[in-house]
Amino acid sequence: MLANTMITFIQQLRTKLFRRKAPSAKTITIRGIRLRFAVIEGDSGDQVRSGFEAEVYEYIDTLPTNSVFYDLGASIGHFALYAAARGLRTYAFEPDLKNFNALSLNKTTNGLSNLAIFNIAISYGATRSGVLLSNSKKQRTGDHHKVLKVADNSVSPSVIGNLDTEQIVRTFSIDEMVTIHGLPLPNYMKIDIDGSEVALLEGGRETFANPALHGFIIELAKDSQYYERIGGALNAFGFSPVQEYQICSSVGFEPNLFNIVFSRSQSIAVDSNAPSFGTT
């Protein structure tokens, strides 16, 4: 109990200090939407300024106004801000504390009342002692490759060997966020959780089986040993891939890394006794 209290105090103190140092906001127009960023740094900052992963904005543009949209792995919030500004009821989840603090500042700067944010990782279930791994050479606010330590990690092999820094984070399953914390079921999602996809599916059986969820865009590594298994699990939930985009960054096209759009093709019943999607 004392350890948890101390962790919470340190996180709150770091958040206050971060906010005191916040720079003036920068206005950027994305596909006709003017957004203000108090923090626009790291890989995510590069992404915004250079227009990388435009397919995610394009996907958001196709969604009906007032739909419930989950952003899993929100980073500094650029996609979540855009979705909320487009009129979606948006719920953004970001486990990394630096990135979450930036997300919080960017939300406040834009005054978006239809955006709710959560400093948690989506995983198998609830714990206060999740471990978020990262690369010690990628510690800027907004940097990517924040990988939750899970049994069935589906991150690209090219990433996993460079993760030498740990951060303690809270985790919940997506089903728990709905059934225990009272969030509305998502209609659509953007999923970029760097290797936790199996954990997401294991802890989200009811959510993925519910016909309220119509589709999502998800980042997947095709060179992961779990790639085919994840695709099979999504198909079992009634989803089919309809389009895929190879991800481009400042270094060019990322080998084996794709954003894939899935849409519901059929409804299924939940089977709580179904076998695991991973090896556990």
Foldseek 3Di string as FASTA:
>chain_A
DVVLVVVVVVLVVVLVVVVVPFAAWDWDADPNDIFTFSDQDAQNNQCRVVVFPVVLVVVLVVDDAAAEEEEAQQQLNPSQVSSLSVRYQYEYEHQDSLRVSRVVVRCVVRVRPSYHYYNAHAFQAWDQFWKWWDAPVRPDRRHDDTATDDPQFQAAPVRVVRTDDIDGTTYGAPVCCCPPVPDDQGQEYEEEHRGRLLRNCNSCLVSLQDNSHFWYKYKGQQNGPLVVLSQVSSVVSQKDWDDKDFTAGPVGGDPRIITTIIGGHDHDDGDNPDDRSGDD
